[in-house]
């Protein structure tokens, strides 16, 4: 009888240890899944200012890759973009990562593959400016078929209608270049009052700056979804390491101007995601 009593605590400890190991294994799998498993998210933007021919226009937005790979040479990512059948692809910065020293070949190779799927447009993020040869990166992307928007705009045409697409460099860009305010003034002076979208990497510049430019829709990244997402938060930690940031995922409105923010795809340095999987955005424009 004494031996039997001594054996039970031992068995109990062994069971608890096995449960602990199982919990650790499941947590590791969930952590890997949260940081490496692609999530395709569909959104709709509606405006009565949108020209009729652009009703149903599909945009894929990729943001904040930071050199990440989904499948060999990003084949899983490219397949999901292809499956979305986009009319346009928007790259809203941080293709590269300063901590990983992402080679230009990564960005240019991905840009070339995306440009073969649909017309692709790129603006810089803050990490592109941590490298010494931003001009070389932009030139390489242009040669690969990507349209790089450096504080400038282009017209998008569809069945006889047009809308305007503008893009600005990250605020870390050259100090002597055209400002976002000067670009907006140029658009209003030369083009009147068209429906226009603005690609601008930094989500946290929208409230006080980008919402004042007059764009119908600003499309951004940078916030990484707030890194950790809980049911009661817009995001738990900003990329600047402040608590409870806003403008981290989805749609927002300030003064009648709207912002859309992608949660992004990659991580930078030692950051990680929790309840916040890498996001491929499918954004459909609707008139109304």
C-alpha atoms as a PDB file:
ATOM      1  CA  UNK A   1       0.000   0.000   0.000  1.00  0.00           C
ATOM      2  CA  UNK A   2       2.691   2.654   0.804  1.00  0.00           C
ATOM      3  CA  UNK A   3       4.354   2.004  -2.579  1.00  0.00           C
ATOM      4  CA  UNK A   4       1.015   2.565  -4.361  1.00  0.00           C
ATOM      5  CA  UNK A   5       0.559   5.957  -2.671  1.00  0.00           C
ATOM      6  CA  UNK A   6       4.070   7.031  -3.614  1.00  0.00           C
ATOM      7  CA  UNK A   7       3.524   6.029  -7.269  1.00  0.00           C
ATOM      8  CA  UNK A   8       0.422   8.180  -7.721  1.00  0.00           C
ATOM      9  CA  UNK A   9       2.116  11.563  -7.181  1.00  0.00           C
ATOM     10  CA  UNK A  10       4.857  10.422  -9.582  1.00  0.00           C
ATOM     11  CA  UNK A  11       2.290   9.568 -12.258  1.00  0.00           C
ATOM     12  CA  UNK A  12       0.526  12.848 -11.618  1.00  0.00           C
ATOM     13  CA  UNK A  13       3.753  14.796 -12.081  1.00  0.00           C
ATOM     14  CA  UNK A  14       4.492  12.863 -15.257  1.00  0.00           C
ATOM     15  CA  UNK A  15       1.026  13.640 -16.645  1.00  0.00           C
ATOM     16  CA  UNK A  16       1.396  17.310 -15.767  1.00  0.00           C
ATOM     17  CA  UNK A  17       4.803  17.403 -17.443  1.00  0.00           C
ATOM     18  CA  UNK A  18       3.400  15.772 -20.596  1.00  0.00           C
ATOM     19  CA  UNK A  19       0.530  18.265 -20.637  1.00  0.00           C
ATOM     20  CA  UNK A  20       3.048  21.087 -20.267  1.00  0.00           C
ATOM     21  CA  UNK A  21       5.074  19.740 -23.214  1.00  0.00           C
ATOM     22  CA  UNK A  22       1.922  19.445 -25.312  1.00  0.00           C
ATOM     23  CA  UNK A  23       0.927  23.016 -24.443  1.00  0.00           C
ATOM     24  CA  UNK A  24       4.416  24.249 -25.416  1.00  0.00           C
ATOM     25  CA  UNK A  25       4.230  22.379 -28.734  1.00  0.00           C
ATOM     26  CA  UNK A  26       0.769  23.748 -29.529  1.00  0.00           C
ATOM     27  CA  UNK A  27       1.888  27.276 -28.584  1.00  0.00           C
ATOM     28  CA  UNK A  28       4.925  26.971 -30.876  1.00  0.00           C
ATOM     29  CA  UNK A  29       2.742  25.805 -33.772  1.00  0.00           C
ATOM     30  CA  UNK A  30       0.259  28.632 -33.156  1.00  0.00           C
ATOM     31  CA  UNK A  31       3.073  31.193 -32.951  1.00  0.00           C
ATOM     32  CA  UNK A  32       4.574  29.952 -36.242  1.00  0.00           C
ATOM     33  CA  UNK A  33       1.119  29.974 -37.874  1.00  0.00           C
ATOM     34  CA  UNK A  34       0.461  33.533 -36.650  1.00  0.00           C
ATOM     35  CA  UNK A  35       3.652  34.776 -38.287  1.00  0.00           C
ATOM     36  CA  UNK A  36       3.947  32.689 -41.476  1.00  0.00           C
ATOM     37  CA  UNK A  37       0.439  31.687 -42.598  1.00  0.00           C
ATOM     38  CA  UNK A  38      -1.054  33.989 -45.229  1.00  0.00           C
ATOM     39  CA  UNK A  39      -4.524  35.391 -44.668  1.00  0.00           C
ATOM     40  CA  UNK A  40      -6.401  36.831 -47.636  1.00  0.00           C
ATOM     41  CA  UNK A  41      -8.825  39.540 -46.529  1.00  0.00           C
ATOM     42  CA  UNK A  42     -11.481  41.090 -48.796  1.00  0.00           C
ATOM     43  CA  UNK A  43     -12.677  44.681 -48.303  1.00  0.00           C
ATOM     44  CA  UNK A  44     -14.972  47.023 -50.222  1.00  0.00           C
ATOM     45  CA  UNK A  45     -14.587  50.775 -50.642  1.00  0.00           C
ATOM     46  CA  UNK A  46     -17.688  52.614 -51.879  1.00  0.00           C
ATOM     47  CA  UNK A  47     -17.956  56.201 -53.103  1.00  0.00           C
ATOM     48  CA  UNK A  48     -20.513  58.033 -55.212  1.00  0.00           C
ATOM     49  CA  UNK A  49     -17.576  59.972 -56.687  1.00  0.00           C
ATOM     50  CA  UNK A  50     -16.104  56.835 -58.237  1.00  0.00           C
ATOM     51  CA  UNK A  51     -16.552  56.817 -62.045  1.00  0.00           C
ATOM     52  CA  UNK A  52     -19.007  54.156 -63.168  1.00  0.00           C
ATOM     53  CA  UNK A  53     -16.473  52.152 -65.173  1.00  0.00           C
ATOM     54  CA  UNK A  54     -14.383  51.566 -62.033  1.00  0.00           C
ATOM     55  CA  UNK A  55     -17.270  49.907 -60.207  1.00  0.00           C
ATOM     56  CA  UNK A  56     -15.962  46.424 -59.406  1.00  0.00           C
ATOM     57  CA  UNK A  57     -12.289  47.326 -59.915  1.00  0.00           C
ATOM     58  CA  UNK A  58     -10.114  44.943 -57.863  1.00  0.00           C
ATOM     59  CA  UNK A  59      -6.899  46.064 -56.163  1.00  0.00           C
ATOM     60  CA  UNK A  60      -4.443  43.827 -54.356  1.00  0.00           C
ATOM     61  CA  UNK A  61      -2.420  45.640 -51.704  1.00  0.00           C
ATOM     62  CA  UNK A  62       0.830  44.188 -50.379  1.00  0.00           C
ATOM     63  CA  UNK A  63       2.590  46.044 -47.596  1.00  0.00           C
ATOM     64  CA  UNK A  64       5.488  45.639 -45.188  1.00  0.00           C
ATOM     65  CA  UNK A  65       6.979  42.412 -46.507  1.00  0.00           C
ATOM     66  CA  UNK A  66      10.338  43.137 -44.848  1.00  0.00           C
ATOM     67  CA  UNK A  67      12.009  40.479 -46.988  1.00  0.00           C
ATOM     68  CA  UNK A  68       9.561  37.737 -45.956  1.00  0.00           C
ATOM     69  CA  UNK A  69       8.995  34.691 -48.128  1.00  0.00           C
ATOM     70  CA  UNK A  70       5.794  32.690 -48.420  1.00  0.00           C
ATOM     71  CA  UNK A  71       6.793  29.563 -50.263  1.00  0.00           C
ATOM     72  CA  UNK A  72       9.963  29.238 -52.304  1.00  0.00           C
ATOM     73  CA  UNK A  73      10.616  32.557 -54.070  1.00  0.00           C
ATOM     74  CA  UNK A  74       7.263  33.736 -52.700  1.00  0.00           C
ATOM     75  CA  UNK A  75       5.330  31.339 -54.928  1.00  0.00           C
ATOM     76  CA  UNK A  76       2.521  30.925 -52.376  1.00  0.00           C
ATOM     77  CA  UNK A  77       2.110  34.692 -52.169  1.00  0.00           C
ATOM     78  CA  UNK A  78       2.202  35.112 -55.946  1.00  0.00           C
ATOM     79  CA  UNK A  79      -0.368  32.360 -56.415  1.00  0.00           C
ATOM     80  CA  UNK A  80      -2.784  34.062 -54.031  1.00  0.00           C
ATOM     81  CA  UNK A  81      -2.297  37.369 -55.865  1.00  0.00           C
ATOM     82  CA  UNK A  82      -2.949  35.579 -59.163  1.00  0.00           C
ATOM     83  CA  UNK A  83      -6.073  33.911 -57.746  1.00  0.00           C
ATOM     84  CA  UNK A  84      -7.436  37.341 -56.768  1.00  0.00           C
ATOM     85  CA  UNK A  85      -7.358  38.385 -60.461  1.00  0.00           C
ATOM     86  CA  UNK A  86      -6.538  42.023 -59.661  1.00  0.00           C
ATOM     87  CA  UNK A  87      -6.827  44.969 -62.017  1.00  0.00           C
ATOM     88  CA  UNK A  88      -4.002  46.708 -60.110  1.00  0.00           C
ATOM     89  CA  UNK A  89      -1.422  45.843 -57.458  1.00  0.00           C
ATOM     90  CA  UNK A  90      -0.301  48.442 -54.903  1.00  0.00           C
ATOM     91  CA  UNK A  91       2.941  48.009 -52.942  1.00  0.00           C
ATOM     92  CA  UNK A  92       2.867  50.403 -50.003  1.00  0.00           C
ATOM     93  CA  UNK A  93       6.441  50.264 -48.778  1.00  0.00           C
ATOM     94  CA  UNK A  94       8.932  48.291 -46.695  1.00  0.00           C
ATOM     95  CA  UNK A  95       9.626  45.581 -49.223  1.00  0.00           C
ATOM     96  CA  UNK A  96      13.078  45.530 -47.660  1.00  0.00           C
ATOM     97  CA  UNK A  97      14.214  45.339 -44.052  1.00  0.00           C
ATOM     98  CA  UNK A  98      17.238  47.143 -42.655  1.00  0.00           C
ATOM     99  CA  UNK A  99      17.816  44.556 -39.908  1.00  0.00           C
ATOM    100  CA  UNK A 100      17.867  41.654 -42.347  1.00  0.00           C
ATOM    101  CA  UNK A 101      19.768  43.668 -44.950  1.00  0.00           C
ATOM    102  CA  UNK A 102      17.355  42.476 -47.627  1.00  0.00           C
ATOM    103  CA  UNK A 103      19.109  42.478 -51.026  1.00  0.00           C
ATOM    104  CA  UNK A 104      17.663  44.584 -53.828  1.00  0.00           C
ATOM    105  CA  UNK A 105      17.280  41.406 -55.856  1.00  0.00           C
ATOM    106  CA  UNK A 106      14.478  40.318 -53.516  1.00  0.00           C
ATOM    107  CA  UNK A 107      12.394  43.438 -54.160  1.00  0.00           C
ATOM    108  CA  UNK A 108      13.130  43.603 -57.864  1.00  0.00           C
ATOM    109  CA  UNK A 109      12.425  39.904 -58.404  1.00  0.00           C
ATOM    110  CA  UNK A 110       9.112  40.139 -56.567  1.00  0.00           C
ATOM    111  CA  UNK A 111       8.223  43.345 -58.390  1.00  0.00           C
ATOM    112  CA  UNK A 112       8.902  41.703 -61.749  1.00  0.00           C
ATOM    113  CA  UNK A 113       6.689  38.729 -60.888  1.00  0.00           C
ATOM    114  CA  UNK A 114       3.845  40.958 -59.697  1.00  0.00           C
ATOM    115  CA  UNK A 115       4.042  43.239 -62.745  1.00  0.00           C
ATOM    116  CA  UNK A 116       3.444  40.183 -64.929  1.00  0.00           C
ATOM    117  CA  UNK A 117       0.123  39.639 -63.123  1.00  0.00           C
ATOM    118  CA  UNK A 118      -1.255  43.204 -63.211  1.00  0.00           C
ATOM    119  CA  UNK A 119      -0.059  46.840 -63.408  1.00  0.00           C
ATOM    120  CA  UNK A 120       1.931  47.342 -60.203  1.00  0.00           C
ATOM    121  CA  UNK A 121       2.620  50.602 -58.335  1.00  0.00           C
ATOM    122  CA  UNK A 122       5.128  51.171 -55.525  1.00  0.00           C
ATOM    123  CA  UNK A 123       5.895  53.814 -52.911  1.00  0.00           C
ATOM    124  CA  UNK A 124       8.773  53.689 -50.455  1.00  0.00           C
ATOM    125  CA  UNK A 125       8.490  52.925 -46.764  1.00  0.00           C
ATOM    126  CA  UNK A 126      10.845  53.976 -44.006  1.00  0.00           C
ATOM    127  CA  UNK A 127      12.989  50.839 -44.360  1.00  0.00           C
ATOM    128  CA  UNK A 128      13.859  51.533 -47.996  1.00  0.00           C
ATOM    129  CA  UNK A 129      15.498  54.750 -46.796  1.00  0.00           C
ATOM    130  CA  UNK A 130      17.708  52.849 -44.342  1.00  0.00           C
ATOM    131  CA  UNK A 131      19.651  51.554 -47.376  1.00  0.00           C
ATOM    132  CA  UNK A 132      22.195  53.696 -49.223  1.00  0.00           C
ATOM    133  CA  UNK A 133      20.901  53.211 -52.781  1.00  0.00           C
ATOM    134  CA  UNK A 134      17.204  54.071 -52.910  1.00  0.00           C
ATOM    135  CA  UNK A 135      17.594  55.477 -56.414  1.00  0.00           C
ATOM    136  CA  UNK A 136      19.081  52.162 -57.551  1.00  0.00           C
ATOM    137  CA  UNK A 137      16.158  50.251 -56.033  1.00  0.00           C
ATOM    138  CA  UNK A 138      13.622  52.503 -57.733  1.00  0.00           C
ATOM    139  CA  UNK A 139      15.454  52.193 -61.050  1.00  0.00           C
ATOM    140  CA  UNK A 140      15.556  48.397 -60.722  1.00  0.00           C
ATOM    141  CA  UNK A 141      11.833  48.224 -59.969  1.00  0.00           C
ATOM    142  CA  UNK A 142      11.024  50.452 -62.946  1.00  0.00           C
ATOM    143  CA  UNK A 143      13.124  48.219 -65.216  1.00  0.00           C
ATOM    144  CA  UNK A 144      11.219  45.220 -63.823  1.00  0.00           C
ATOM    145  CA  UNK A 145       7.919  46.780 -64.937  1.00  0.00           C
ATOM    146  CA  UNK A 146       6.779  48.412 -61.673  1.00  0.00           C
ATOM    147  CA  UNK A 147       5.607  52.026 -61.702  1.00  0.00           C
ATOM    148  CA  UNK A 148       7.380  53.856 -58.873  1.00  0.00           C
ATOM    149  CA  UNK A 149       5.485  56.905 -57.634  1.00  0.00           C
ATOM    150  CA  UNK A 150       7.859  59.489 -56.187  1.00  0.00           C
ATOM    151  CA  UNK A 151       5.665  62.402 -55.121  1.00  0.00           C
ATOM    152  CA  UNK A 152       3.829  62.242 -58.422  1.00  0.00           C
ATOM    153  CA  UNK A 153       0.616  60.971 -59.946  1.00  0.00           C
ATOM    154  CA  UNK A 154      -0.642  58.960 -62.895  1.00  0.00           C
ATOM    155  CA  UNK A 155      -4.030  58.394 -64.486  1.00  0.00           C
ATOM    156  CA  UNK A 156      -5.682  54.976 -64.433  1.00  0.00           C
ATOM    157  CA  UNK A 157      -8.068  54.321 -67.340  1.00  0.00           C
ATOM    158  CA  UNK A 158     -10.918  51.820 -67.539  1.00  0.00           C
ATOM    159  CA  UNK A 159     -13.599  51.626 -70.221  1.00  0.00           C
ATOM    160  CA  UNK A 160     -13.422  55.316 -71.042  1.00  0.00           C
ATOM    161  CA  UNK A 161     -13.297  56.595 -67.445  1.00  0.00           C
ATOM    162  CA  UNK A 162     -10.234  57.709 -65.484  1.00  0.00           C
ATOM    163  CA  UNK A 163      -9.211  58.086 -61.879  1.00  0.00           C
ATOM    164  CA  UNK A 164      -6.022  59.544 -60.476  1.00  0.00           C
ATOM    165  CA  UNK A 165      -3.451  57.601 -58.459  1.00  0.00           C
ATOM    166  CA  UNK A 166      -0.789  59.523 -56.528  1.00  0.00           C
ATOM    167  CA  UNK A 167       2.087  58.236 -54.446  1.00  0.00           C
ATOM    168  CA  UNK A 168       4.484  59.857 -52.019  1.00  0.00           C
ATOM    169  CA  UNK A 169       7.864  58.873 -50.643  1.00  0.00           C
ATOM    170  CA  UNK A 170       8.196  58.047 -46.976  1.00  0.00           C
ATOM    171  CA  UNK A 171       8.965  61.112 -44.796  1.00  0.00           C
ATOM    172  CA  UNK A 172      12.535  59.755 -44.482  1.00  0.00           C
ATOM    173  CA  UNK A 173      13.020  60.661 -48.156  1.00  0.00           C
ATOM    174  CA  UNK A 174      15.133  63.454 -49.562  1.00  0.00           C
ATOM    175  CA  UNK A 175      14.495  66.763 -47.802  1.00  0.00           C
ATOM    176  CA  UNK A 176      14.521  68.837 -50.989  1.00  0.00           C
ATOM    177  CA  UNK A 177      11.889  66.888 -52.898  1.00  0.00           C
ATOM    178  CA  UNK A 178       8.254  67.816 -53.496  1.00  0.00           C
ATOM    179  CA  UNK A 179       6.160  67.638 -50.337  1.00  0.00           C
ATOM    180  CA  UNK A 180       2.786  65.868 -50.090  1.00  0.00           C
ATOM    181  CA  UNK A 181       1.128  69.277 -49.728  1.00  0.00           C
ATOM    182  CA  UNK A 182       2.794  70.548 -52.908  1.00  0.00           C
ATOM    183  CA  UNK A 183       1.709  67.412 -54.759  1.00  0.00           C
ATOM    184  CA  UNK A 184      -1.894  67.871 -53.605  1.00  0.00           C
ATOM    185  CA  UNK A 185      -1.837  71.545 -54.680  1.00  0.00           C
ATOM    186  CA  UNK A 186      -0.519  70.502 -58.093  1.00  0.00           C
ATOM    187  CA  UNK A 187      -3.324  67.956 -58.512  1.00  0.00           C
ATOM    188  CA  UNK A 188      -6.041  70.443 -57.570  1.00  0.00           C
ATOM    189  CA  UNK A 189      -4.525  73.188 -59.755  1.00  0.00           C
ATOM    190  CA  UNK A 190      -3.984  71.082 -62.872  1.00  0.00           C
ATOM    191  CA  UNK A 191      -6.679  68.421 -62.652  1.00  0.00           C
ATOM    192  CA  UNK A 192      -9.583  70.097 -60.861  1.00  0.00           C
ATOM    193  CA  UNK A 193     -11.480  67.746 -58.570  1.00  0.00           C
ATOM    194  CA  UNK A 194     -10.990  64.176 -59.782  1.00  0.00           C
ATOM    195  CA  UNK A 195     -11.577  61.023 -57.782  1.00  0.00           C
ATOM    196  CA  UNK A 196      -8.118  60.172 -56.509  1.00  0.00           C
ATOM    197  CA  UNK A 197      -6.297  57.705 -54.310  1.00  0.00           C
ATOM    198  CA  UNK A 198      -3.028  58.299 -52.499  1.00  0.00           C
ATOM    199  CA  UNK A 199      -0.438  55.637 -51.681  1.00  0.00           C
ATOM    200  CA  UNK A 200       1.395  56.727 -48.530  1.00  0.00           C
ATOM    201  CA  UNK A 201       3.294  54.257 -46.350  1.00  0.00           C
ATOM    202  CA  UNK A 202       2.806  55.734 -42.892  1.00  0.00           C
ATOM    203  CA  UNK A 203      -0.596  55.113 -41.339  1.00  0.00           C
ATOM    204  CA  UNK A 204       0.148  57.370 -38.358  1.00  0.00           C
ATOM    205  CA  UNK A 205       0.512  60.461 -40.573  1.00  0.00           C
ATOM    206  CA  UNK A 206      -3.108  60.299 -41.732  1.00  0.00           C
ATOM    207  CA  UNK A 207      -4.945  62.106 -38.943  1.00  0.00           C
ATOM    208  CA  UNK A 208      -2.891  65.299 -38.875  1.00  0.00           C
ATOM    209  CA  UNK A 209      -1.405  65.421 -42.381  1.00  0.00           C
ATOM    210  CA  UNK A 210      -2.610  63.083 -45.114  1.00  0.00           C
ATOM    211  CA  UNK A 211      -6.322  63.563 -44.332  1.00  0.00           C
ATOM    212  CA  UNK A 212      -5.885  67.245 -45.253  1.00  0.00           C
ATOM    213  CA  UNK A 213      -4.605  66.604 -48.789  1.00  0.00           C
ATOM    214  CA  UNK A 214      -7.994  66.008 -50.392  1.00  0.00           C
ATOM    215  CA  UNK A 215      -7.600  62.401 -51.567  1.00  0.00           C
ATOM    216  CA  UNK A 216     -10.776  60.348 -51.572  1.00  0.00           C
ATOM    217  CA  UNK A 217      -8.901  57.346 -50.221  1.00  0.00           C
ATOM    218  CA  UNK A 218      -5.434  57.071 -48.663  1.00  0.00           C
ATOM    219  CA  UNK A 219      -3.920  53.569 -48.715  1.00  0.00           C
ATOM    220  CA  UNK A 220      -1.199  52.824 -46.152  1.00  0.00           C
ATOM    221  CA  UNK A 221       0.674  50.167 -44.222  1.00  0.00           C
ATOM    222  CA  UNK A 222       3.458  50.584 -41.623  1.00  0.00           C
ATOM    223  CA  UNK A 223       1.379  49.738 -38.533  1.00  0.00           C
ATOM    224  CA  UNK A 224       1.709  45.932 -38.770  1.00  0.00           C
ATOM    225  CA  UNK A 225      -1.801  45.632 -37.354  1.00  0.00           C
ATOM    226  CA  UNK A 226      -0.585  46.768 -33.958  1.00  0.00           C
ATOM    227  CA  UNK A 227       1.629  43.622 -33.774  1.00  0.00           C
ATOM    228  CA  UNK A 228      -0.662  41.932 -31.213  1.00  0.00           C
ATOM    229  CA  UNK A 229      -4.417  42.133 -31.751  1.00  0.00           C
ATOM    230  CA  UNK A 230      -6.891  41.446 -28.987  1.00  0.00           C
ATOM    231  CA  UNK A 231     -10.708  41.629 -29.238  1.00  0.00           C
ATOM    232  CA  UNK A 232     -10.891  44.966 -27.436  1.00  0.00           C
ATOM    233  CA  UNK A 233      -7.976  46.716 -29.168  1.00  0.00           C
ATOM    234  CA  UNK A 234      -7.272  48.397 -32.484  1.00  0.00           C
ATOM    235  CA  UNK A 235      -3.782  47.034 -31.865  1.00  0.00           C
ATOM    236  CA  UNK A 236      -1.765  46.479 -28.724  1.00  0.00           C
ATOM    237  CA  UNK A 237       1.732  47.768 -29.597  1.00  0.00           C
ATOM    238  CA  UNK A 238       2.741  50.140 -32.382  1.00  0.00           C
ATOM    239  CA  UNK A 239       5.899  49.684 -34.422  1.00  0.00           C
ATOM    240  CA  UNK A 240       7.188  52.690 -32.464  1.00  0.00           C
ATOM    241  CA  UNK A 241       6.560  50.622 -29.265  1.00  0.00           C
ATOM    242  CA  UNK A 242       3.718  52.749 -27.934  1.00  0.00           C
ATOM    243  CA  UNK A 243       0.647  51.104 -26.442  1.00  0.00           C
ATOM    244  CA  UNK A 244      -2.825  50.909 -27.984  1.00  0.00           C
ATOM    245  CA  UNK A 245      -2.140  52.596 -31.341  1.00  0.00           C
ATOM    246  CA  UNK A 246      -4.959  53.390 -33.747  1.00  0.00           C
ATOM    247  CA  UNK A 247      -5.097  53.414 -37.549  1.00  0.00           C
ATOM    248  CA  UNK A 248      -3.606  49.905 -37.599  1.00  0.00           C
ATOM    249  CA  UNK A 249      -6.020  47.822 -39.724  1.00  0.00           C
ATOM    250  CA  UNK A 250      -8.929  48.411 -42.076  1.00  0.00           C
ATOM    251  CA  UNK A 251     -10.891  51.613 -42.708  1.00  0.00           C
ATOM    252  CA  UNK A 252     -10.847  54.909 -40.780  1.00  0.00           C
ATOM    253  CA  UNK A 253     -12.311  58.340 -41.454  1.00  0.00           C
ATOM    254  CA  UNK A 254     -11.185  61.831 -40.475  1.00  0.00           C
ATOM    255  CA  UNK A 255     -12.913  64.970 -41.729  1.00  0.00           C
ATOM    256  CA  UNK A 256     -14.745  63.097 -44.457  1.00  0.00           C
ATOM    257  CA  UNK A 257     -11.507  61.596 -45.820  1.00  0.00           C
ATOM    258  CA  UNK A 258     -10.940  57.880 -45.618  1.00  0.00           C
ATOM    259  CA  UNK A 259      -7.906  55.756 -44.878  1.00  0.00           C
ATOM    260  CA  UNK A 260      -7.344  52.079 -45.477  1.00  0.00           C
ATOM    261  CA  UNK A 261      -4.498  50.350 -43.618  1.00  0.00           C
ATOM    262  CA  UNK A 262      -3.092  46.908 -44.366  1.00  0.00           C
ATOM    263  CA  UNK A 263      -1.819  44.834 -41.436  1.00  0.00           C
ATOM    264  CA  UNK A 264       1.127  43.918 -43.648  1.00  0.00           C
ATOM    265  CA  UNK A 265       2.924  40.671 -44.336  1.00  0.00           C
ATOM    266  CA  UNK A 266       6.312  40.583 -42.626  1.00  0.00           C
ATOM    267  CA  UNK A 267       8.097  41.404 -39.411  1.00  0.00           C
ATOM    268  CA  UNK A 268      11.023  43.693 -38.775  1.00  0.00           C
ATOM    269  CA  UNK A 269      13.922  42.818 -36.506  1.00  0.00           C
ATOM    270  CA  UNK A 270      12.779  40.961 -33.390  1.00  0.00           C
ATOM    271  CA  UNK A 271       9.112  41.909 -33.679  1.00  0.00           C
ATOM    272  CA  UNK A 272       6.422  39.249 -33.992  1.00  0.00           C
ATOM    273  CA  UNK A 273       2.701  38.904 -34.612  1.00  0.00           C
ATOM    274  CA  UNK A 274       0.055  37.426 -32.342  1.00  0.00           C
ATOM    275  CA  UNK A 275      -3.606  36.967 -33.379  1.00  0.00           C
ATOM    276  CA  UNK A 276      -2.522  39.004 -36.389  1.00  0.00           C
ATOM    277  CA  UNK A 277      -1.621  36.825 -39.375  1.00  0.00           C
ATOM    278  CA  UNK A 278       0.218  38.199 -42.447  1.00  0.00           C
ATOM    279  CA  UNK A 279      -2.423  39.903 -44.572  1.00  0.00           C
ATOM    280  CA  UNK A 280      -2.920  40.003 -48.329  1.00  0.00           C
ATOM    281  CA  UNK A 281      -5.579  42.641 -49.052  1.00  0.00           C
ATOM    282  CA  UNK A 282      -8.143  42.404 -51.841  1.00  0.00           C
ATOM    283  CA  UNK A 283      -9.831  45.804 -52.095  1.00  0.00           C
ATOM    284  CA  UNK A 284     -12.836  46.171 -54.411  1.00  0.00           C
ATOM    285  CA  UNK A 285     -13.991  49.643 -55.485  1.00  0.00           C
ATOM    286  CA  UNK A 286     -17.726  50.238 -55.712  1.00  0.00           C
ATOM    287  CA  UNK A 287     -19.729  53.202 -56.947  1.00  0.00           C
ATOM    288  CA  UNK A 288     -22.384  54.287 -54.470  1.00  0.00           C
END
